[in-house]
Amino acid sequence: MATTVFDNTYFSTKFFYESDFESGPYNNVSNGPCTVHAITVLNAVTSATVNYLKIYDTAEEITANSTEADFVFRIGTDQDATICFGSSGLSILNGLTVRMPSGQAVSSVDNPGATAKCNIVYT
């Protein structure tokens, strides 16, 4: 697993990149409020599993198997996805927390079927 967060004072656009996205939460990757502009998930590399990108609007640590997600995106079997939120973006008021289990249920903690990659661009 290699998580990269590009977040410094010299750039207004930041990104979160995970090369082995898992069901465990990545808590408050934005370090507070942000606006998400685009998300790209690469799930096509031998993945026979439908995965669910779950976004939580919280700066607090979540419990992966019991915290209800604020937004859920279904990423199909052997498919990549790019989600764009337009010029106004998706407002996250508290903090950006993400995870991607292979089950839609709140209680799902199963990791994606193959190495999934995720890139989130935010300001």
N, C-alpha and C. Protein backbone atom coordinates (compact mmCIF):
# COMPACT_ATOMS: atom_id res chain seq x y z
N MET A 1 0.84 -1.16 0.00
CA MET A 1 0.00 0.00 0.00
C MET A 1 0.90 1.23 0.00
N ALA A 2 0.58 2.19 -0.88
CA ALA A 2 1.35 3.43 -0.94
C ALA A 2 0.39 4.59 -1.07
N THR A 3 0.22 5.32 0.00
CA THR A 3 -0.68 6.47 0.00
C THR A 3 0.14 7.72 -0.23
N THR A 4 -0.33 8.56 -1.14
CA THR A 4 0.30 9.84 -1.40
C THR A 4 -0.74 10.93 -1.22
N VAL A 5 -0.44 11.92 -0.41
CA VAL A 5 -1.30 13.09 -0.28
C VAL A 5 -0.44 14.29 -0.64
N PHE A 6 -0.82 14.96 -1.71
CA PHE A 6 -0.09 16.14 -2.17
C PHE A 6 -0.86 17.34 -1.64
N ASP A 7 -0.35 17.93 -0.58
CA ASP A 7 -1.11 18.95 0.13
C ASP A 7 -0.11 19.93 0.75
N ASN A 8 0.14 21.04 0.05
CA ASN A 8 1.01 22.04 0.66
C ASN A 8 0.51 23.44 0.33
N THR A 9 1.16 24.44 0.84
CA THR A 9 0.68 25.82 0.70
C THR A 9 1.00 26.45 -0.65
N TYR A 10 1.78 25.78 -1.48
CA TYR A 10 2.16 26.37 -2.76
C TYR A 10 1.13 26.13 -3.86
N PHE A 11 0.24 25.18 -3.66
CA PHE A 11 -0.75 24.84 -4.67
C PHE A 11 -2.15 24.90 -4.08
N SER A 12 -3.11 25.38 -4.86
CA SER A 12 -4.48 25.42 -4.36
C SER A 12 -5.21 24.10 -4.63
N THR A 13 -4.78 23.34 -5.63
CA THR A 13 -5.38 22.04 -5.93
C THR A 13 -4.52 20.95 -5.30
N LYS A 14 -5.18 20.02 -4.64
CA LYS A 14 -4.48 18.95 -3.94
C LYS A 14 -5.00 17.61 -4.43
N PHE A 15 -4.28 16.54 -4.14
CA PHE A 15 -4.80 15.23 -4.50
C PHE A 15 -4.42 14.18 -3.47
N PHE A 16 -5.26 13.17 -3.42
CA PHE A 16 -5.03 11.97 -2.62
C PHE A 16 -4.91 10.83 -3.60
N TYR A 17 -3.85 10.03 -3.50
CA TYR A 17 -3.65 8.90 -4.41
C TYR A 17 -3.30 7.67 -3.58
N GLU A 18 -4.01 6.60 -3.81
CA GLU A 18 -3.73 5.33 -3.13
C GLU A 18 -3.58 4.25 -4.18
N SER A 19 -2.44 3.56 -4.17
CA SER A 19 -2.15 2.56 -5.19
C SER A 19 -2.67 1.17 -4.84
N ASP A 20 -3.19 1.00 -3.64
CA ASP A 20 -3.78 -0.28 -3.23
C ASP A 20 -4.94 0.02 -2.30
N PHE A 21 -5.99 0.59 -2.87
CA PHE A 21 -7.14 1.07 -2.11
C PHE A 21 -7.82 -0.09 -1.40
N GLU A 22 -8.13 0.07 -0.12
CA GLU A 22 -8.69 -1.00 0.69
C GLU A 22 -9.96 -0.55 1.40
N SER A 23 -10.57 -1.51 2.12
CA SER A 23 -11.82 -1.22 2.81
C SER A 23 -11.62 -0.43 4.09
N GLY A 24 -10.41 -0.48 4.65
CA GLY A 24 -10.13 0.28 5.86
C GLY A 24 -10.17 1.76 5.57
N PRO A 25 -10.63 2.59 6.48
CA PRO A 25 -10.79 4.02 6.18
C PRO A 25 -9.46 4.77 6.11
N TYR A 26 -9.44 5.73 5.22
CA TYR A 26 -8.38 6.73 5.14
C TYR A 26 -9.01 7.98 5.73
N ASN A 27 -8.72 8.25 6.99
CA ASN A 27 -9.41 9.29 7.75
C ASN A 27 -8.90 10.69 7.48
N ASN A 28 -9.82 11.60 7.21
CA ASN A 28 -9.56 13.03 7.07
C ASN A 28 -8.34 13.33 6.21
N VAL A 29 -8.31 12.81 5.00
CA VAL A 29 -7.16 13.01 4.10
C VAL A 29 -7.00 14.47 3.68
N SER A 30 -8.07 15.26 3.79
CA SER A 30 -8.02 16.67 3.39
C SER A 30 -7.62 17.58 4.54
N ASN A 31 -7.51 17.05 5.74
CA ASN A 31 -7.20 17.85 6.93
C ASN A 31 -8.20 18.97 7.14
N GLY A 32 -9.47 18.69 6.94
CA GLY A 32 -10.52 19.68 7.16
C GLY A 32 -11.43 19.82 5.95
N PRO A 33 -12.19 20.91 5.90
CA PRO A 33 -13.15 21.12 4.80
C PRO A 33 -12.45 21.17 3.44
N CYS A 34 -13.16 20.74 2.41
CA CYS A 34 -12.61 20.80 1.06
C CYS A 34 -13.74 20.72 0.04
N THR A 35 -13.39 20.88 -1.21
CA THR A 35 -14.31 20.68 -2.32
C THR A 35 -13.69 19.65 -3.25
N VAL A 36 -14.39 18.53 -3.43
CA VAL A 36 -13.90 17.48 -4.31
C VAL A 36 -14.32 17.82 -5.74
N HIS A 37 -13.36 17.78 -6.66
CA HIS A 37 -13.65 18.11 -8.06
C HIS A 37 -13.73 16.88 -8.96
N ALA A 38 -12.90 15.87 -8.68
CA ALA A 38 -12.91 14.67 -9.52
C ALA A 38 -12.35 13.48 -8.75
N ILE A 39 -12.87 12.31 -9.09
CA ILE A 39 -12.39 11.06 -8.51
C ILE A 39 -12.18 10.08 -9.66
N THR A 40 -11.03 9.42 -9.68
CA THR A 40 -10.77 8.37 -10.66
C THR A 40 -10.45 7.09 -9.89
N VAL A 41 -11.15 6.01 -10.24
CA VAL A 41 -10.89 4.70 -9.63
C VAL A 41 -10.51 3.74 -10.75
N LEU A 42 -9.37 3.09 -10.61
CA LEU A 42 -8.94 2.08 -11.57
C LEU A 42 -9.21 0.72 -10.95
N ASN A 43 -10.23 0.04 -11.48
CA ASN A 43 -10.71 -1.23 -10.94
C ASN A 43 -10.66 -2.33 -11.98
N ALA A 44 -10.13 -2.04 -13.17
CA ALA A 44 -10.22 -2.98 -14.30
C ALA A 44 -9.12 -4.03 -14.34
N VAL A 45 -8.14 -3.93 -13.47
CA VAL A 45 -7.02 -4.86 -13.51
C VAL A 45 -7.42 -6.18 -12.85
N THR A 46 -7.94 -7.08 -13.63
CA THR A 46 -8.35 -8.43 -13.19
C THR A 46 -9.32 -8.44 -12.02
N SER A 47 -10.13 -7.42 -11.86
CA SER A 47 -11.07 -7.41 -10.75
C SER A 47 -12.41 -7.96 -11.17
N ALA A 48 -12.79 -9.08 -10.58
CA ALA A 48 -14.10 -9.67 -10.84
C ALA A 48 -15.06 -9.27 -9.74
N THR A 49 -14.77 -8.17 -9.06
CA THR A 49 -15.56 -7.74 -7.92
C THR A 49 -16.15 -6.35 -8.16
N VAL A 50 -17.41 -6.17 -7.81
CA VAL A 50 -18.00 -4.84 -7.77
C VAL A 50 -17.54 -4.21 -6.46
N ASN A 51 -17.02 -3.00 -6.53
CA ASN A 51 -16.55 -2.30 -5.34
C ASN A 51 -17.38 -1.04 -5.12
N TYR A 52 -17.35 -0.54 -3.91
CA TYR A 52 -18.15 0.63 -3.54
C TYR A 52 -17.26 1.68 -2.90
N LEU A 53 -17.08 2.79 -3.59
CA LEU A 53 -16.32 3.91 -3.04
C LEU A 53 -17.24 4.64 -2.08
N LYS A 54 -16.83 4.72 -0.82
CA LYS A 54 -17.65 5.36 0.21
C LYS A 54 -16.93 6.59 0.72
N ILE A 55 -17.67 7.71 0.74
CA ILE A 55 -17.12 8.99 1.18
C ILE A 55 -17.87 9.44 2.43
N TYR A 56 -17.11 9.86 3.42
CA TYR A 56 -17.66 10.33 4.68
C TYR A 56 -17.25 11.78 4.87
N ASP A 57 -18.18 12.62 5.28
CA ASP A 57 -17.90 14.02 5.56
C ASP A 57 -17.64 14.18 7.05
N THR A 58 -16.43 13.81 7.46
CA THR A 58 -16.09 13.89 8.88
C THR A 58 -14.57 14.01 9.05
N ALA A 59 -14.19 14.77 10.05
CA ALA A 59 -12.78 14.87 10.41
C ALA A 59 -12.43 13.84 11.48
N GLU A 60 -13.45 13.21 12.04
CA GLU A 60 -13.26 12.21 13.09
C GLU A 60 -12.97 10.85 12.48
N GLU A 61 -12.35 9.98 13.25
CA GLU A 61 -12.13 8.61 12.81
C GLU A 61 -13.47 7.89 12.70
N ILE A 62 -13.64 7.10 11.65
CA ILE A 62 -14.88 6.34 11.51
C ILE A 62 -14.63 4.89 11.89
N THR A 63 -15.72 4.20 12.17
CA THR A 63 -15.67 2.75 12.38
C THR A 63 -16.16 2.12 11.08
N ALA A 64 -15.27 1.42 10.40
CA ALA A 64 -15.55 0.94 9.04
C ALA A 64 -16.82 0.09 8.94
N ASN A 65 -17.11 -0.70 9.95
CA ASN A 65 -18.25 -1.62 9.83
C ASN A 65 -19.55 -1.10 10.43
N SER A 66 -19.58 0.19 10.85
CA SER A 66 -20.83 0.69 11.43
C SER A 66 -21.16 2.14 11.11
N THR A 67 -20.26 2.89 10.50
CA THR A 67 -20.53 4.29 10.18
C THR A 67 -21.16 4.40 8.79
N GLU A 68 -22.31 5.05 8.71
CA GLU A 68 -23.03 5.23 7.44
C GLU A 68 -22.29 6.25 6.57
N ALA A 69 -22.04 5.90 5.32
CA ALA A 69 -21.36 6.81 4.39
C ALA A 69 -22.29 7.94 3.95
N ASP A 70 -21.72 9.11 3.68
CA ASP A 70 -22.51 10.22 3.15
C ASP A 70 -22.74 10.07 1.65
N PHE A 71 -21.79 9.48 0.94
CA PHE A 71 -21.89 9.26 -0.50
C PHE A 71 -21.34 7.88 -0.82
N VAL A 72 -22.02 7.15 -1.72
CA VAL A 72 -21.57 5.82 -2.14
C VAL A 72 -21.60 5.76 -3.67
N PHE A 73 -20.49 5.33 -4.27
CA PHE A 73 -20.40 5.19 -5.72
C PHE A 73 -20.07 3.74 -6.05
N ARG A 74 -20.87 3.14 -6.91
CA ARG A 74 -20.66 1.75 -7.32
C ARG A 74 -19.66 1.73 -8.48
N ILE A 75 -18.59 0.93 -8.32
CA ILE A 75 -17.56 0.78 -9.35
C ILE A 75 -17.69 -0.64 -9.87
N GLY A 76 -18.13 -0.79 -11.11
CA GLY A 76 -18.46 -2.09 -11.68
C GLY A 76 -17.29 -3.03 -11.86
N THR A 77 -17.62 -4.29 -12.05
CA THR A 77 -16.65 -5.35 -12.28
C THR A 77 -15.79 -5.04 -13.50
N ASP A 78 -14.48 -5.17 -13.36
CA ASP A 78 -13.53 -4.93 -14.46
C ASP A 78 -13.73 -3.58 -15.14
N GLN A 79 -14.10 -2.57 -14.38
CA GLN A 79 -14.32 -1.24 -14.96
C GLN A 79 -13.56 -0.18 -14.18
N ASP A 80 -13.15 0.84 -14.90
CA ASP A 80 -12.58 2.04 -14.30
C ASP A 80 -13.69 3.08 -14.26
N ALA A 81 -13.53 4.08 -13.41
CA ALA A 81 -14.56 5.12 -13.32
C ALA A 81 -13.90 6.46 -13.06
N THR A 82 -14.42 7.48 -13.71
CA THR A 82 -14.05 8.86 -13.42
C THR A 82 -15.33 9.61 -13.10
N ILE A 83 -15.34 10.23 -11.94
CA ILE A 83 -16.52 10.97 -11.47
C ILE A 83 -16.12 12.42 -11.37
N CYS A 84 -16.78 13.29 -12.13
CA CYS A 84 -16.50 14.73 -12.10
C CYS A 84 -17.70 15.44 -11.49
N PHE A 85 -17.45 16.43 -10.68
CA PHE A 85 -18.51 17.13 -9.96
C PHE A 85 -18.77 18.54 -10.50
N GLY A 86 -18.24 18.86 -11.67
CA GLY A 86 -18.51 20.17 -12.28
C GLY A 86 -17.77 21.29 -11.59
N SER A 87 -18.06 22.50 -12.01
CA SER A 87 -17.31 23.66 -11.52
C SER A 87 -17.53 23.94 -10.03
N SER A 88 -18.70 23.58 -9.49
CA SER A 88 -18.96 23.85 -8.08
C SER A 88 -18.41 22.76 -7.17
N GLY A 89 -18.16 21.56 -7.70
CA GLY A 89 -17.58 20.48 -6.91
C GLY A 89 -18.54 19.89 -5.88
N LEU A 90 -18.03 18.94 -5.14
CA LEU A 90 -18.76 18.29 -4.05
C LEU A 90 -18.22 18.85 -2.75
N SER A 91 -19.04 19.59 -2.02
CA SER A 91 -18.59 20.24 -0.79
C SER A 91 -18.50 19.25 0.36
N ILE A 92 -17.34 19.20 0.98
CA ILE A 92 -17.11 18.41 2.18
C ILE A 92 -16.87 19.42 3.30
N LEU A 93 -17.78 19.46 4.27
CA LEU A 93 -17.76 20.52 5.27
C LEU A 93 -16.83 20.26 6.45
N ASN A 94 -16.53 19.00 6.74
CA ASN A 94 -15.75 18.68 7.94
C ASN A 94 -14.39 18.08 7.63
N GLY A 95 -14.36 17.08 6.81
CA GLY A 95 -13.12 16.40 6.44
C GLY A 95 -13.44 15.25 5.51
N LEU A 96 -12.53 14.95 4.60
CA LEU A 96 -12.74 13.91 3.59
C LEU A 96 -12.16 12.59 4.09
N THR A 97 -13.05 11.64 4.36
CA THR A 97 -12.65 10.29 4.76
C THR A 97 -13.19 9.34 3.71
N VAL A 98 -12.38 8.40 3.25
CA VAL A 98 -12.79 7.49 2.17
C VAL A 98 -12.39 6.05 2.48
N ARG A 99 -13.11 5.12 1.85
CA ARG A 99 -12.76 3.71 1.88
C ARG A 99 -13.47 3.02 0.72
N MET A 100 -13.03 1.81 0.36
CA MET A 100 -13.67 1.11 -0.75
C MET A 100 -13.76 -0.39 -0.47
N PRO A 101 -14.86 -0.82 0.16
CA PRO A 101 -15.07 -2.26 0.35
C PRO A 101 -15.72 -2.87 -0.89
N SER A 102 -15.77 -4.19 -0.91
CA SER A 102 -16.41 -4.87 -2.04
C SER A 102 -17.88 -5.15 -1.78
N GLY A 103 -18.41 -4.66 -0.68
CA GLY A 103 -19.83 -4.83 -0.38
C GLY A 103 -20.51 -3.50 -0.16
N GLN A 104 -21.77 -3.42 -0.52
CA GLN A 104 -22.52 -2.18 -0.37
C GLN A 104 -23.00 -1.94 1.05
N ALA A 105 -23.21 -2.99 1.82
CA ALA A 105 -23.73 -2.85 3.17
C ALA A 105 -22.80 -2.03 4.05
N VAL A 106 -23.38 -1.30 5.00
CA VAL A 106 -22.59 -0.50 5.93
C VAL A 106 -21.56 -1.37 6.64
N SER A 107 -21.93 -2.60 6.95
CA SER A 107 -21.06 -3.50 7.71
C SER A 107 -19.94 -4.13 6.89
N SER A 108 -19.91 -3.92 5.59
CA SER A 108 -18.92 -4.56 4.73
C SER A 108 -17.51 -4.04 5.00
N VAL A 109 -16.60 -4.97 5.25
CA VAL A 109 -15.19 -4.62 5.44
C VAL A 109 -14.29 -5.45 4.53
N ASP A 110 -14.88 -6.10 3.51
CA ASP A 110 -14.10 -6.91 2.57
C ASP A 110 -13.33 -6.01 1.62
N ASN A 111 -12.05 -6.29 1.46
CA ASN A 111 -11.22 -5.51 0.56
C ASN A 111 -11.61 -5.75 -0.89
N PRO A 112 -11.31 -4.80 -1.79
CA PRO A 112 -11.58 -5.01 -3.22
C PRO A 112 -10.93 -6.30 -3.71
N GLY A 113 -11.52 -6.89 -4.76
CA GLY A 113 -11.05 -8.17 -5.27
C GLY A 113 -9.67 -8.14 -5.88
N ALA A 114 -9.17 -7.02 -6.28
CA ALA A 114 -7.84 -6.89 -6.87
C ALA A 114 -7.28 -5.54 -6.43
N THR A 115 -6.08 -5.26 -6.86
CA THR A 115 -5.47 -3.98 -6.49
C THR A 115 -6.20 -2.84 -7.19
N ALA A 116 -6.97 -2.08 -6.43
CA ALA A 116 -7.69 -0.93 -6.97
C ALA A 116 -6.88 0.33 -6.66
N LYS A 117 -6.88 1.25 -7.59
CA LYS A 117 -6.17 2.51 -7.41
C LYS A 117 -7.20 3.63 -7.39
N CYS A 118 -6.93 4.67 -6.60
CA CYS A 118 -7.88 5.77 -6.49
C CYS A 118 -7.12 7.08 -6.45
N ASN A 119 -7.63 8.07 -7.17
CA ASN A 119 -7.09 9.43 -7.17
C ASN A 119 -8.25 10.40 -6.93
N ILE A 120 -8.12 11.24 -5.92
CA ILE A 120 -9.14 12.24 -5.61
C ILE A 120 -8.51 13.63 -5.68
N VAL A 121 -9.09 14.49 -6.52
CA VAL A 121 -8.60 15.86 -6.68
C VAL A 121 -9.54 16.79 -5.93
N TYR A 122 -8.97 17.64 -5.05
CA TYR A 122 -9.79 18.53 -4.24
C TYR A 122 -9.07 19.86 -4.00
N THR A 123 -9.85 20.84 -3.58
CA THR A 123 -9.27 22.13 -3.18
C THR A 123 -9.72 22.45 -1.77
